Amino acid sequence: MEKFLFPHPAKFRDTWDDVHVKMPCSSWNLFPVEDEETRERQNKSRWQLITETLNKEFTNQSELKNAILKYNASNAKKWDFTALNLYCTKVLEPDSAEHLFDSLLPDMVQLALRASELCTKPIPLLKSGMNHSITMSQEQVACLLANAFFCTFPRRNSRKTEYYNYPDINFFSSQTPLTKLHITCEGTIEDDGYGMLQVDFANQYVGGGVTSAGLVQEEIRFLINPELIVSRLFTEALDHNECLIITGTQQYSKYTGYAQTYQWSGSYQDTTPRDGWQRRCTEIVAIDALQFKSFLEQFRPEKINRELNKAYCGFARPEDQSQNLAAVGYRELGMWCFWG
C-alpha cells in the first residue's frame, strides 16, 4: 500500500488552463498591486499574500474575517460572515472557542498551505459530457477543503468567470445565514445503508446550498460527510444524462433534526470497512430531479423519460452482472427506503 502514501508526481505540476482546477498555489495566481511611489500597477503573487496573511495568529472571528478579505478585497461588500459570527459568539463555549483559535485554526492553516506539497497533480474539471474519475487521499481532500474554508481558490467568486456553470466552493460566499432543521424517522441511510448505492437527491450543482443556506437531504449528507464538498471544486452542473458517483467518503458527525431544527450532535466514529485502496466502502450517487410548476407536468412523456434516464445513469452498471448489483437506498422526509 506504500504507493498510496505519497502524492504523485513528487513535485507540484503547475497548470493554469480551462480544463483543470486553477489552484491557489499556482504561480499564475496573481493580483494587481499599485506601487506607492510610482503609482504603477504590478502583478504580485496572490499565494504569497495568502501565506503571509494566514500565518498570523487569530484571536477572534473578526481577525479571521479581515484576513480572508485581505486577499479577496473585491468581495468585501458582498460577503457575509454572519454564520461565522454566530458560531463563535453564540454556539461555542469559551473553552471550545479558545481551542478553535489556539489549535484548530492554526492546524487548518498549515494544512491549507501544504497545497503544492499534497496536491501535486492538476485536478481535471469534470465538464458536461465527460466520462471521467478522480481519486484523492483523505489528506488531499482535507487540504482542498481547508483552502475552501479560507476562500483561497481563484476565480470562483463570480458567475462571470469560466466557472459560471460550477457550484460555489469558497465557503463565505453567501449573504444568507445558515438555518436549522429537523427529521423524525427510524434509521437513516447513512447508518443503515452499508453495502447499498446511496442516493443523493442532488441539485444540478452538486451539494446544493451546503455552503450557503441549504439544510435538507443533500446538504445534510455533505455536512456529516464533509469530504463530499470537494466535489464542488471540479464538477460542472449535471446535464440530463449525467450523474456523479463518489466512493470512499467518511462520516465525521452525528446530527438531529431536519431543515429548521437541524443540530450537530457530536462526533461520529465511522466503522465502515475500507477497501483495498483504504477508502470507506460507501458509494454515493448524485442525481438531480426536475422541478415542476404544476402537478400534472411531471406526467408528460418527455418528463417521465428524462427522470427514467437520469435514474438509469445513476443506477445502471453495464459492466456488472445484475445479480452483483447493490441495492439502491434513498431517503425522504420521514423515512428512508431501499430497493434491490
C-alpha atoms as a PDB file:
ATOM      1  CA  MET A   1       0.000   0.000   0.000  1.00  0.00           C
ATOM      2  CA  GLU A   2       3.024   2.339   0.112  1.00  0.00           C
ATOM      3  CA  LYS A   3       2.297   3.659  -3.360  1.00  0.00           C
ATOM      4  CA  PHE A   4      -0.804   5.410  -1.946  1.00  0.00           C
ATOM      5  CA  LEU A   5       1.057   7.143   0.905  1.00  0.00           C
ATOM      6  CA  PHE A   6       2.700   9.876  -1.151  1.00  0.00           C
ATOM      7  CA  PRO A   7       1.290  12.244  -3.781  1.00  0.00           C
ATOM      8  CA  HIS A   8       2.123  11.613  -7.415  1.00  0.00           C
ATOM      9  CA  PRO A   9       4.005  13.240  -9.061  1.00  0.00           C
ATOM     10  CA  ALA A  10       6.571  14.081  -6.384  1.00  0.00           C
ATOM     11  CA  LYS A  11       6.690  17.789  -7.280  1.00  0.00           C
ATOM     12  CA  PHE A  12       3.833  20.223  -7.888  1.00  0.00           C
ATOM     13  CA  ARG A  13       2.847  20.411 -11.542  1.00  0.00           C
ATOM     14  CA  ASP A  14       1.712  23.981 -12.117  1.00  0.00           C
ATOM     15  CA  THR A  15      -1.181  24.198 -14.593  1.00  0.00           C
ATOM     16  CA  TRP A  16      -3.407  27.170 -15.414  1.00  0.00           C
ATOM     17  CA  ASP A  17      -5.901  26.371 -18.139  1.00  0.00           C
ATOM     18  CA  ASP A  18      -9.617  25.838 -18.748  1.00  0.00           C
ATOM     19  CA  VAL A  19      -9.652  22.078 -18.272  1.00  0.00           C
ATOM     20  CA  HIS A  20      -8.109  21.879 -14.805  1.00  0.00           C
ATOM     21  CA  VAL A  21      -8.842  23.459 -11.424  1.00  0.00           C
ATOM     22  CA  LYS A  22      -6.915  26.691 -11.046  1.00  0.00           C
ATOM     23  CA  MET A  23      -5.048  26.117  -7.796  1.00  0.00           C
ATOM     24  CA  PRO A  24      -4.423  28.890  -5.241  1.00  0.00           C
ATOM     25  CA  CYS A  25      -0.713  27.947  -5.077  1.00  0.00           C
ATOM     26  CA  SER A  26      -0.194  28.415  -8.825  1.00  0.00           C
ATOM     27  CA  SER A  27       2.433  30.901  -9.962  1.00  0.00           C
ATOM     28  CA  TRP A  28      -0.231  32.276 -12.326  1.00  0.00           C
ATOM     29  CA  ASN A  29      -2.498  33.178  -9.394  1.00  0.00           C
ATOM     30  CA  LEU A  30      -1.749  36.912  -9.458  1.00  0.00           C
ATOM     31  CA  PHE A  31      -3.402  40.107  -8.263  1.00  0.00           C
ATOM     32  CA  PRO A  32      -2.677  43.755  -9.168  1.00  0.00           C
ATOM     33  CA  VAL A  33      -0.889  45.985  -6.660  1.00  0.00           C
ATOM     34  CA  GLU A  34      -0.246  49.704  -7.042  1.00  0.00           C
ATOM     35  CA  ASP A  35       3.277  50.869  -6.275  1.00  0.00           C
ATOM     36  CA  GLU A  36       3.090  53.616  -3.632  1.00  0.00           C
ATOM     37  CA  GLU A  37       5.862  55.660  -5.255  1.00  0.00           C
ATOM     38  CA  THR A  38       5.348  55.231  -8.993  1.00  0.00           C
ATOM     39  CA  ARG A  39       1.569  54.581  -8.855  1.00  0.00           C
ATOM     40  CA  GLU A  40       2.117  51.862 -11.418  1.00  0.00           C
ATOM     41  CA  ARG A  41       0.145  48.632 -11.123  1.00  0.00           C
ATOM     42  CA  GLN A  42       2.115  45.411 -10.914  1.00  0.00           C
ATOM     43  CA  ASN A  43       1.028  41.802 -10.643  1.00  0.00           C
ATOM     44  CA  LYS A  44       2.046  40.105  -7.417  1.00  0.00           C
ATOM     45  CA  SER A  45       1.734  36.527  -6.207  1.00  0.00           C
ATOM     46  CA  ARG A  46      -1.639  36.033  -4.518  1.00  0.00           C
ATOM     47  CA  TRP A  47      -0.416  32.802  -2.891  1.00  0.00           C
ATOM     48  CA  GLN A  48       2.397  34.724  -1.215  1.00  0.00           C
ATOM     49  CA  LEU A  49      -0.149  37.161   0.205  1.00  0.00           C
ATOM     50  CA  ILE A  50      -2.356  34.264   1.329  1.00  0.00           C
ATOM     51  CA  THR A  51       0.601  32.610   3.053  1.00  0.00           C
ATOM     52  CA  GLU A  52       1.696  35.792   4.823  1.00  0.00           C
ATOM     53  CA  THR A  53      -1.860  36.621   5.883  1.00  0.00           C
ATOM     54  CA  LEU A  54      -2.897  33.207   7.185  1.00  0.00           C
ATOM     55  CA  ASN A  55       0.359  32.575   9.032  1.00  0.00           C
ATOM     56  CA  LYS A  56      -0.580  35.216  11.588  1.00  0.00           C
ATOM     57  CA  GLU A  57      -2.261  34.452  14.902  1.00  0.00           C
ATOM     58  CA  PHE A  58      -6.058  34.859  15.080  1.00  0.00           C
ATOM     59  CA  THR A  59      -7.742  35.508  18.417  1.00  0.00           C
ATOM     60  CA  ASN A  60     -11.312  36.141  17.242  1.00  0.00           C
ATOM     61  CA  GLN A  61     -13.614  35.834  14.243  1.00  0.00           C
ATOM     62  CA  SER A  62     -13.142  39.467  13.204  1.00  0.00           C
ATOM     63  CA  GLU A  63      -9.421  38.943  12.695  1.00  0.00           C
ATOM     64  CA  LEU A  64     -10.121  35.815  10.637  1.00  0.00           C
ATOM     65  CA  LYS A  65     -12.680  37.693   8.536  1.00  0.00           C
ATOM     66  CA  ASN A  66     -10.262  40.563   7.872  1.00  0.00           C
ATOM     67  CA  ALA A  67      -7.532  38.115   6.888  1.00  0.00           C
ATOM     68  CA  ILE A  68      -9.759  36.361   4.349  1.00  0.00           C
ATOM     69  CA  LEU A  69     -10.900  39.673   2.871  1.00  0.00           C
ATOM     70  CA  LYS A  70      -7.306  40.887   2.543  1.00  0.00           C
ATOM     71  CA  TYR A  71      -6.789  38.573  -0.439  1.00  0.00           C
ATOM     72  CA  ASN A  72     -10.458  38.800  -1.503  1.00  0.00           C
ATOM     73  CA  ALA A  73     -10.759  42.597  -1.358  1.00  0.00           C
ATOM     74  CA  SER A  74     -13.206  42.814  -4.261  1.00  0.00           C
ATOM     75  CA  ASN A  75     -15.756  40.815  -2.244  1.00  0.00           C
ATOM     76  CA  ALA A  76     -15.575  42.859   0.967  1.00  0.00           C
ATOM     77  CA  LYS A  77     -19.010  44.387   0.380  1.00  0.00           C
ATOM     78  CA  LYS A  78     -20.579  41.189  -0.969  1.00  0.00           C
ATOM     79  CA  TRP A  79     -19.638  38.512   1.531  1.00  0.00           C
ATOM     80  CA  ASP A  80     -21.498  37.984   4.773  1.00  0.00           C
ATOM     81  CA  PHE A  81     -19.828  36.344   7.790  1.00  0.00           C
ATOM     82  CA  THR A  82     -22.976  36.113   9.913  1.00  0.00           C
ATOM     83  CA  ALA A  83     -22.766  32.347  10.278  1.00  0.00           C
ATOM     84  CA  LEU A  84     -19.150  32.532  11.460  1.00  0.00           C
ATOM     85  CA  ASN A  85     -20.005  35.278  13.958  1.00  0.00           C
ATOM     86  CA  LEU A  86     -22.978  33.344  15.330  1.00  0.00           C
ATOM     87  CA  TYR A  87     -20.937  30.181  15.610  1.00  0.00           C
ATOM     88  CA  CYS A  88     -18.115  31.871  17.529  1.00  0.00           C
ATOM     89  CA  THR A  89     -20.297  34.019  19.783  1.00  0.00           C
ATOM     90  CA  LYS A  90     -23.493  32.023  20.323  1.00  0.00           C
ATOM     91  CA  VAL A  91     -22.685  28.365  19.722  1.00  0.00           C
ATOM     92  CA  LEU A  92     -19.179  27.771  21.059  1.00  0.00           C
ATOM     93  CA  GLU A  93     -18.465  27.501  24.759  1.00  0.00           C
ATOM     94  CA  PRO A  94     -15.481  29.598  25.968  1.00  0.00           C
ATOM     95  CA  ASP A  95     -13.183  26.559  26.148  1.00  0.00           C
ATOM     96  CA  SER A  96     -14.183  25.458  22.646  1.00  0.00           C
ATOM     97  CA  ALA A  97     -13.619  28.953  21.246  1.00  0.00           C
ATOM     98  CA  GLU A  98     -10.148  29.009  22.797  1.00  0.00           C
ATOM     99  CA  HIS A  99      -9.391  25.610  21.226  1.00  0.00           C
ATOM    100  CA  LEU A 100     -10.639  26.871  17.856  1.00  0.00           C
ATOM    101  CA  PHE A 101      -8.292  29.852  17.699  1.00  0.00           C
ATOM    102  CA  ASP A 102      -5.339  28.370  19.578  1.00  0.00           C
ATOM    103  CA  SER A 103      -5.188  24.944  17.958  1.00  0.00           C
ATOM    104  CA  LEU A 104      -7.747  24.048  15.302  1.00  0.00           C
ATOM    105  CA  LEU A 105      -7.434  27.093  13.007  1.00  0.00           C
ATOM    106  CA  PRO A 106      -3.594  27.085  13.054  1.00  0.00           C
ATOM    107  CA  ASP A 107      -3.644  23.404  12.099  1.00  0.00           C
ATOM    108  CA  MET A 108      -6.101  24.140   9.283  1.00  0.00           C
ATOM    109  CA  VAL A 109      -3.862  26.958   8.045  1.00  0.00           C
ATOM    110  CA  GLN A 110      -0.822  24.697   7.886  1.00  0.00           C
ATOM    111  CA  LEU A 111      -2.865  22.031   6.092  1.00  0.00           C
ATOM    112  CA  ALA A 112      -4.132  24.561   3.538  1.00  0.00           C
ATOM    113  CA  LEU A 113      -0.653  25.942   2.893  1.00  0.00           C
ATOM    114  CA  ARG A 114       0.621  22.452   2.021  1.00  0.00           C
ATOM    115  CA  ALA A 115      -1.393  22.515  -1.212  1.00  0.00           C
ATOM    116  CA  SER A 116       1.645  22.419  -3.506  1.00  0.00           C
ATOM    117  CA  GLU A 117       3.091  19.549  -1.461  1.00  0.00           C
ATOM    118  CA  LEU A 118      -0.057  17.415  -1.215  1.00  0.00           C
ATOM    119  CA  CYS A 119      -1.974  18.189  -4.418  1.00  0.00           C
ATOM    120  CA  THR A 120       0.825  17.898  -6.948  1.00  0.00           C
ATOM    121  CA  LYS A 121      -1.151  16.643  -9.924  1.00  0.00           C
ATOM    122  CA  PRO A 122      -3.510  19.004 -11.804  1.00  0.00           C
ATOM    123  CA  ILE A 123      -7.144  18.288 -10.929  1.00  0.00           C
ATOM    124  CA  PRO A 124      -9.240  17.859 -14.093  1.00  0.00           C
ATOM    125  CA  LEU A 125     -12.545  19.681 -14.316  1.00  0.00           C
ATOM    126  CA  LEU A 126     -15.475  17.306 -14.766  1.00  0.00           C
ATOM    127  CA  LYS A 127     -17.144  19.057 -17.677  1.00  0.00           C
ATOM    128  CA  SER A 128     -20.539  18.306 -19.121  1.00  0.00           C
ATOM    129  CA  GLY A 129     -20.458  15.285 -21.417  1.00  0.00           C
ATOM    130  CA  MET A 130     -17.257  13.929 -19.865  1.00  0.00           C
ATOM    131  CA  ASN A 131     -16.861  10.404 -18.501  1.00  0.00           C
ATOM    132  CA  HIS A 132     -14.013  10.654 -16.009  1.00  0.00           C
ATOM    133  CA  SER A 133     -12.944   9.710 -12.485  1.00  0.00           C
ATOM    134  CA  ILE A 134     -10.795  11.449  -9.856  1.00  0.00           C
ATOM    135  CA  THR A 135      -9.096   9.653  -6.962  1.00  0.00           C
ATOM    136  CA  MET A 136      -7.822  11.533  -3.913  1.00  0.00           C
ATOM    137  CA  SER A 137      -6.497  10.627  -0.484  1.00  0.00           C
ATOM    138  CA  GLN A 138      -8.320  11.879   2.598  1.00  0.00           C
ATOM    139  CA  GLU A 139      -5.343  14.144   3.318  1.00  0.00           C
ATOM    140  CA  GLN A 140      -5.600  15.714  -0.133  1.00  0.00           C
ATOM    141  CA  VAL A 141      -9.342  16.257   0.321  1.00  0.00           C
ATOM    142  CA  ALA A 142      -8.725  17.822   3.732  1.00  0.00           C
ATOM    143  CA  CYS A 143      -6.145  20.185   2.226  1.00  0.00           C
ATOM    144  CA  LEU A 144      -8.545  21.289  -0.504  1.00  0.00           C
ATOM    145  CA  LEU A 145     -11.382  21.805   1.992  1.00  0.00           C
ATOM    146  CA  ALA A 146      -9.097  23.846   4.239  1.00  0.00           C
ATOM    147  CA  ASN A 147      -8.361  26.091   1.267  1.00  0.00           C
ATOM    148  CA  ALA A 148     -12.085  26.314   0.558  1.00  0.00           C
ATOM    149  CA  PHE A 149     -12.697  27.370   4.181  1.00  0.00           C
ATOM    150  CA  PHE A 150     -10.134  30.157   3.862  1.00  0.00           C
ATOM    151  CA  CYS A 151     -11.544  31.119   0.429  1.00  0.00           C
ATOM    152  CA  THR A 152      -8.265  30.825  -1.459  1.00  0.00           C
ATOM    153  CA  PHE A 153      -9.467  29.321  -4.751  1.00  0.00           C
ATOM    154  CA  PRO A 154      -9.065  31.894  -7.534  1.00  0.00           C
ATOM    155  CA  ARG A 155     -11.777  32.984  -9.955  1.00  0.00           C
ATOM    156  CA  ARG A 156     -14.517  31.093  -8.080  1.00  0.00           C
ATOM    157  CA  ASN A 157     -16.356  34.067  -6.608  1.00  0.00           C
ATOM    158  CA  SER A 158     -18.104  35.343  -9.730  1.00  0.00           C
ATOM    159  CA  ARG A 159     -20.537  33.866 -12.234  1.00  0.00           C
ATOM    160  CA  LYS A 160     -18.753  35.914 -14.920  1.00  0.00           C
ATOM    161  CA  THR A 161     -15.674  33.678 -14.972  1.00  0.00           C
ATOM    162  CA  GLU A 162     -15.102  30.322 -16.645  1.00  0.00           C
ATOM    163  CA  TYR A 163     -16.627  28.715 -13.536  1.00  0.00           C
ATOM    164  CA  TYR A 164     -20.078  30.184 -14.198  1.00  0.00           C
ATOM    165  CA  ASN A 165     -21.537  26.681 -14.537  1.00  0.00           C
ATOM    166  CA  TYR A 166     -19.897  25.255 -11.397  1.00  0.00           C
ATOM    167  CA  PRO A 167     -21.112  25.422  -7.777  1.00  0.00           C
ATOM    168  CA  ASP A 168     -19.512  27.649  -5.145  1.00  0.00           C
ATOM    169  CA  ILE A 169     -16.501  26.206  -3.335  1.00  0.00           C
ATOM    170  CA  ASN A 170     -15.146  29.089  -1.246  1.00  0.00           C
ATOM    171  CA  PHE A 171     -17.116  28.907   1.991  1.00  0.00           C
ATOM    172  CA  PHE A 172     -18.014  32.554   2.745  1.00  0.00           C
ATOM    173  CA  SER A 173     -19.910  33.419  -0.458  1.00  0.00           C
ATOM    174  CA  SER A 174     -23.489  33.874   0.682  1.00  0.00           C
ATOM    175  CA  GLN A 175     -25.366  36.727   2.346  1.00  0.00           C
ATOM    176  CA  THR A 176     -27.904  34.301   3.822  1.00  0.00           C
ATOM    177  CA  PRO A 177     -27.109  32.863   7.285  1.00  0.00           C
ATOM    178  CA  LEU A 178     -27.347  29.126   7.805  1.00  0.00           C
ATOM    179  CA  THR A 179     -30.671  27.881   9.167  1.00  0.00           C
ATOM    180  CA  LYS A 180     -31.549  24.863  11.318  1.00  0.00           C
ATOM    181  CA  LEU A 181     -33.509  21.668  10.593  1.00  0.00           C
ATOM    182  CA  HIS A 182     -35.319  18.521  11.969  1.00  0.00           C
ATOM    183  CA  ILE A 183     -36.334  14.972  10.918  1.00  0.00           C
ATOM    184  CA  THR A 184     -38.200  12.144  12.679  1.00  0.00           C
ATOM    185  CA  CYS A 185     -37.685   8.608  11.387  1.00  0.00           C
ATOM    186  CA  GLU A 186     -36.347   5.247  12.483  1.00  0.00           C
ATOM    187  CA  GLY A 187     -32.947   4.637  10.973  1.00  0.00           C
ATOM    188  CA  THR A 188     -31.077   6.644   8.377  1.00  0.00           C
ATOM    189  CA  ILE A 189     -29.448   5.869   5.082  1.00  0.00           C
ATOM    190  CA  GLU A 190     -26.022   6.747   6.466  1.00  0.00           C
ATOM    191  CA  ASP A 191     -26.464   4.398   9.465  1.00  0.00           C
ATOM    192  CA  ASP A 192     -28.323   1.540   7.811  1.00  0.00           C
ATOM    193  CA  GLY A 193     -27.318   1.786   4.165  1.00  0.00           C
ATOM    194  CA  TYR A 194     -23.996  -0.074   4.301  1.00  0.00           C
ATOM    195  CA  GLY A 195     -23.431  -2.065   1.137  1.00  0.00           C
ATOM    196  CA  MET A 196     -26.040  -0.074  -0.801  1.00  0.00           C
ATOM    197  CA  LEU A 197     -25.722   2.520  -3.515  1.00  0.00           C
ATOM    198  CA  GLN A 198     -26.822   5.561  -1.525  1.00  0.00           C
ATOM    199  CA  VAL A 199     -28.740   8.200  -3.444  1.00  0.00           C
ATOM    200  CA  ASP A 200     -28.073  11.894  -3.071  1.00  0.00           C
ATOM    201  CA  PHE A 201     -31.154  13.622  -4.474  1.00  0.00           C
ATOM    202  CA  ALA A 202     -28.927  16.358  -5.752  1.00  0.00           C
ATOM    203  CA  ASN A 203     -29.154  19.852  -7.041  1.00  0.00           C
ATOM    204  CA  GLN A 204     -27.790  20.059 -10.589  1.00  0.00           C
ATOM    205  CA  TYR A 205     -24.953  21.936  -8.878  1.00  0.00           C
ATOM    206  CA  VAL A 206     -23.764  19.160  -6.559  1.00  0.00           C
ATOM    207  CA  GLY A 207     -24.038  19.955  -2.880  1.00  0.00           C
ATOM    208  CA  GLY A 208     -26.892  22.367  -3.408  1.00  0.00           C
ATOM    209  CA  GLY A 209     -26.812  25.033  -0.711  1.00  0.00           C
ATOM    210  CA  VAL A 210     -24.306  23.311   1.571  1.00  0.00           C
ATOM    211  CA  THR A 211     -22.022  26.352   1.732  1.00  0.00           C
ATOM    212  CA  SER A 212     -24.898  28.821   1.999  1.00  0.00           C
ATOM    213  CA  ALA A 213     -28.458  28.387   3.282  1.00  0.00           C
ATOM    214  CA  GLY A 214     -29.489  24.830   2.421  1.00  0.00           C
ATOM    215  CA  LEU A 215     -30.144  22.205   5.098  1.00  0.00           C
ATOM    216  CA  VAL A 216     -32.161  19.355   3.647  1.00  0.00           C
ATOM    217  CA  GLN A 217     -31.313  15.887   2.367  1.00  0.00           C
ATOM    218  CA  GLU A 218     -28.312  16.686   0.160  1.00  0.00           C
ATOM    219  CA  GLU A 219     -26.841  19.416   2.333  1.00  0.00           C
ATOM    220  CA  ILE A 220     -27.045  17.263   5.487  1.00  0.00           C
ATOM    221  CA  ARG A 221     -25.128  14.436   3.836  1.00  0.00           C
ATOM    222  CA  PHE A 222     -22.452  16.866   2.652  1.00  0.00           C
ATOM    223  CA  LEU A 223     -22.145  18.259   6.187  1.00  0.00           C
ATOM    224  CA  ILE A 224     -21.781  14.942   8.002  1.00  0.00           C
ATOM    225  CA  ASN A 225     -19.503  13.584   5.226  1.00  0.00           C
ATOM    226  CA  PRO A 226     -17.663  16.861   4.520  1.00  0.00           C
ATOM    227  CA  GLU A 227     -15.226  15.231   2.087  1.00  0.00           C
ATOM    228  CA  LEU A 228     -18.154  15.305  -0.361  1.00  0.00           C
ATOM    229  CA  ILE A 229     -17.882  19.109  -0.526  1.00  0.00           C
ATOM    230  CA  VAL A 230     -14.653  18.909  -2.508  1.00  0.00           C
ATOM    231  CA  SER A 231     -16.663  17.573  -5.487  1.00  0.00           C
ATOM    232  CA  ARG A 232     -17.943  21.136  -5.962  1.00  0.00           C
ATOM    233  CA  LEU A 233     -14.405  22.207  -6.847  1.00  0.00           C
ATOM    234  CA  PHE A 234     -14.333  20.376 -10.167  1.00  0.00           C
ATOM    235  CA  THR A 235     -17.860  19.193 -11.088  1.00  0.00           C
ATOM    236  CA  GLU A 236     -19.824  21.179 -13.660  1.00  0.00           C
ATOM    237  CA  ALA A 237     -23.612  21.340 -13.441  1.00  0.00           C
ATOM    238  CA  LEU A 238     -25.102  17.908 -14.169  1.00  0.00           C
ATOM    239  CA  ASP A 239     -26.772  17.524 -17.542  1.00  0.00           C
ATOM    240  CA  HIS A 240     -29.923  15.439 -18.095  1.00  0.00           C
ATOM    241  CA  ASN A 241     -27.906  12.316 -18.930  1.00  0.00           C
ATOM    242  CA  GLU A 242     -25.242  12.634 -16.220  1.00  0.00           C
ATOM    243  CA  CYS A 243     -24.664  11.627 -12.618  1.00  0.00           C
ATOM    244  CA  LEU A 244     -21.784  11.882 -10.151  1.00  0.00           C
ATOM    245  CA  ILE A 245     -20.600   8.789  -8.247  1.00  0.00           C
ATOM    246  CA  ILE A 246     -18.480   9.370  -5.130  1.00  0.00           C
ATOM    247  CA  THR A 247     -16.770   6.460  -3.405  1.00  0.00           C
ATOM    248  CA  GLY A 248     -14.944   6.367  -0.086  1.00  0.00           C
ATOM    249  CA  THR A 249     -16.122   9.359   1.947  1.00  0.00           C
ATOM    250  CA  GLN A 250     -16.130   9.113   5.718  1.00  0.00           C
ATOM    251  CA  GLN A 251     -18.805  10.281   8.176  1.00  0.00           C
ATOM    252  CA  TYR A 252     -17.452  12.596  10.873  1.00  0.00           C
ATOM    253  CA  SER A 253     -20.565  13.994  12.568  1.00  0.00           C
ATOM    254  CA  LYS A 254     -23.880  12.968  14.102  1.00  0.00           C
ATOM    255  CA  TYR A 255     -26.958  15.169  13.907  1.00  0.00           C
ATOM    256  CA  THR A 256     -30.554  15.546  14.942  1.00  0.00           C
ATOM    257  CA  GLY A 257     -33.389  17.305  13.173  1.00  0.00           C
ATOM    258  CA  TYR A 258     -34.073  18.425   9.628  1.00  0.00           C
ATOM    259  CA  ALA A 259     -34.447  21.839   7.964  1.00  0.00           C
ATOM    260  CA  GLN A 260     -35.211  24.452  10.644  1.00  0.00           C
ATOM    261  CA  THR A 261     -34.392  22.131  13.573  1.00  0.00           C
ATOM    262  CA  TYR A 262     -31.088  20.679  12.386  1.00  0.00           C
ATOM    263  CA  GLN A 263     -28.411  20.450  15.077  1.00  0.00           C
ATOM    264  CA  TRP A 264     -24.944  18.963  15.251  1.00  0.00           C
ATOM    265  CA  SER A 265     -24.991  16.315  17.989  1.00  0.00           C
ATOM    266  CA  GLY A 266     -21.367  15.243  18.301  1.00  0.00           C
ATOM    267  CA  SER A 267     -18.508  13.479  16.581  1.00  0.00           C
ATOM    268  CA  TYR A 268     -19.134  10.184  14.795  1.00  0.00           C
ATOM    269  CA  GLN A 269     -16.731   7.251  14.696  1.00  0.00           C
ATOM    270  CA  ASP A 270     -17.167   5.736  11.244  1.00  0.00           C
ATOM    271  CA  THR A 271     -16.557   1.988  11.388  1.00  0.00           C
ATOM    272  CA  THR A 272     -17.477   1.286   7.761  1.00  0.00           C
ATOM    273  CA  PRO A 273     -14.927  -1.195   6.352  1.00  0.00           C
ATOM    274  CA  ARG A 274     -12.257   0.057   3.960  1.00  0.00           C
ATOM    275  CA  ASP A 275     -11.457  -1.358   0.544  1.00  0.00           C
ATOM    276  CA  GLY A 276      -8.039  -2.194  -0.887  1.00  0.00           C
ATOM    277  CA  TRP A 277      -7.365   1.498  -1.543  1.00  0.00           C
ATOM    278  CA  GLN A 278      -8.220   2.294   2.093  1.00  0.00           C
ATOM    279  CA  ARG A 279     -11.438   4.053   1.072  1.00  0.00           C
ATOM    280  CA  ARG A 280     -14.555   3.648   3.190  1.00  0.00           C
ATOM    281  CA  CYS A 281     -16.940   1.234   1.452  1.00  0.00           C
ATOM    282  CA  THR A 282     -19.536   3.964   0.962  1.00  0.00           C
ATOM    283  CA  GLU A 283     -20.797   4.715  -2.540  1.00  0.00           C
ATOM    284  CA  ILE A 284     -22.990   7.765  -3.089  1.00  0.00           C
ATOM    285  CA  VAL A 285     -24.588   8.734  -6.389  1.00  0.00           C
ATOM    286  CA  ALA A 286     -25.762  12.284  -7.029  1.00  0.00           C
ATOM    287  CA  ILE A 287     -28.728  12.587  -9.384  1.00  0.00           C
ATOM    288  CA  ASP A 288     -30.920  15.644  -9.769  1.00  0.00           C
ATOM    289  CA  ALA A 289     -34.665  15.679 -10.421  1.00  0.00           C
ATOM    290  CA  LEU A 290     -36.619  18.218 -12.430  1.00  0.00           C
ATOM    291  CA  GLN A 291     -38.683  20.918 -10.775  1.00  0.00           C
ATOM    292  CA  PHE A 292     -42.292  21.114 -11.962  1.00  0.00           C
ATOM    293  CA  LYS A 293     -44.517  24.177 -11.997  1.00  0.00           C
ATOM    294  CA  SER A 294     -47.676  22.092 -11.822  1.00  0.00           C
ATOM    295  CA  PHE A 295     -48.654  18.652 -10.528  1.00  0.00           C
ATOM    296  CA  LEU A 296     -49.657  17.265 -13.944  1.00  0.00           C
ATOM    297  CA  GLU A 297     -46.499  18.446 -15.729  1.00  0.00           C
ATOM    298  CA  GLN A 298     -44.458  15.608 -14.242  1.00  0.00           C
ATOM    299  CA  PHE A 299     -46.583  13.038 -16.085  1.00  0.00           C
ATOM    300  CA  ARG A 300     -45.777  14.309 -19.559  1.00  0.00           C
ATOM    301  CA  PRO A 301     -43.968  11.531 -21.516  1.00  0.00           C
ATOM    302  CA  GLU A 302     -40.812  13.558 -22.141  1.00  0.00           C
ATOM    303  CA  LYS A 303     -40.564  14.436 -18.440  1.00  0.00           C
ATOM    304  CA  ILE A 304     -41.011  10.798 -17.398  1.00  0.00           C
ATOM    305  CA  ASN A 305     -38.350   9.723 -19.896  1.00  0.00           C
ATOM    306  CA  ARG A 306     -35.960  12.314 -18.550  1.00  0.00           C
ATOM    307  CA  GLU A 307     -36.343  11.097 -14.962  1.00  0.00           C
ATOM    308  CA  LEU A 308     -36.018   7.450 -16.009  1.00  0.00           C
ATOM    309  CA  ASN A 309     -32.874   8.245 -17.990  1.00  0.00           C
ATOM    310  CA  LYS A 310     -31.429  10.126 -15.014  1.00  0.00           C
ATOM    311  CA  ALA A 311     -32.117   7.142 -12.738  1.00  0.00           C
ATOM    312  CA  TYR A 312     -30.538   4.817 -15.315  1.00  0.00           C
ATOM    313  CA  CYS A 313     -27.382   6.969 -15.372  1.00  0.00           C
ATOM    314  CA  GLY A 314     -27.195   6.755 -11.603  1.00  0.00           C
ATOM    315  CA  PHE A 315     -28.058   3.115 -11.017  1.00  0.00           C
ATOM    316  CA  ALA A 316     -27.062   1.119 -14.104  1.00  0.00           C
ATOM    317  CA  ARG A 317     -23.689  -0.637 -14.191  1.00  0.00           C
ATOM    318  CA  PRO A 318     -23.394  -2.199 -17.665  1.00  0.00           C
ATOM    319  CA  GLU A 319     -20.073  -3.805 -16.738  1.00  0.00           C
ATOM    320  CA  ASP A 320     -21.596  -5.697 -13.770  1.00  0.00           C
ATOM    321  CA  GLN A 321     -23.939  -8.659 -13.830  1.00  0.00           C
ATOM    322  CA  SER A 322     -27.390  -7.911 -12.451  1.00  0.00           C
ATOM    323  CA  GLN A 323     -27.041 -10.337  -9.531  1.00  0.00           C
ATOM    324  CA  ASN A 324     -23.951  -8.445  -8.355  1.00  0.00           C
ATOM    325  CA  LEU A 325     -25.575  -5.011  -8.271  1.00  0.00           C
ATOM    326  CA  ALA A 326     -26.055  -3.392  -4.876  1.00  0.00           C
ATOM    327  CA  ALA A 327     -29.462  -2.380  -3.580  1.00  0.00           C
ATOM    328  CA  VAL A 328     -30.294   1.299  -4.019  1.00  0.00           C
ATOM    329  CA  GLY A 329     -31.078   3.254  -0.865  1.00  0.00           C
ATOM    330  CA  TYR A 330     -32.692   6.674  -0.713  1.00  0.00           C
ATOM    331  CA  ARG A 331     -34.091   8.941   1.954  1.00  0.00           C
ATOM    332  CA  GLU A 332     -37.098  11.202   2.004  1.00  0.00           C
ATOM    333  CA  LEU A 333     -38.571  13.323   4.755  1.00  0.00           C
ATOM    334  CA  GLY A 334     -39.804  10.982   7.468  1.00  0.00           C
ATOM    335  CA  MET A 335     -38.437   7.739   6.044  1.00  0.00           C
ATOM    336  CA  TRP A 336     -35.650   6.073   4.152  1.00  0.00           C
ATOM    337  CA  CYS A 337     -36.152   3.233   1.678  1.00  0.00           C
ATOM    338  CA  PHE A 338     -34.158   0.881  -0.474  1.00  0.00           C
ATOM    339  CA  TRP A 339     -34.804  -1.459  -3.332  1.00  0.00           C
ATOM    340  CA  GLY A 340     -32.794  -4.205  -4.949  1.00  0.00           C
END
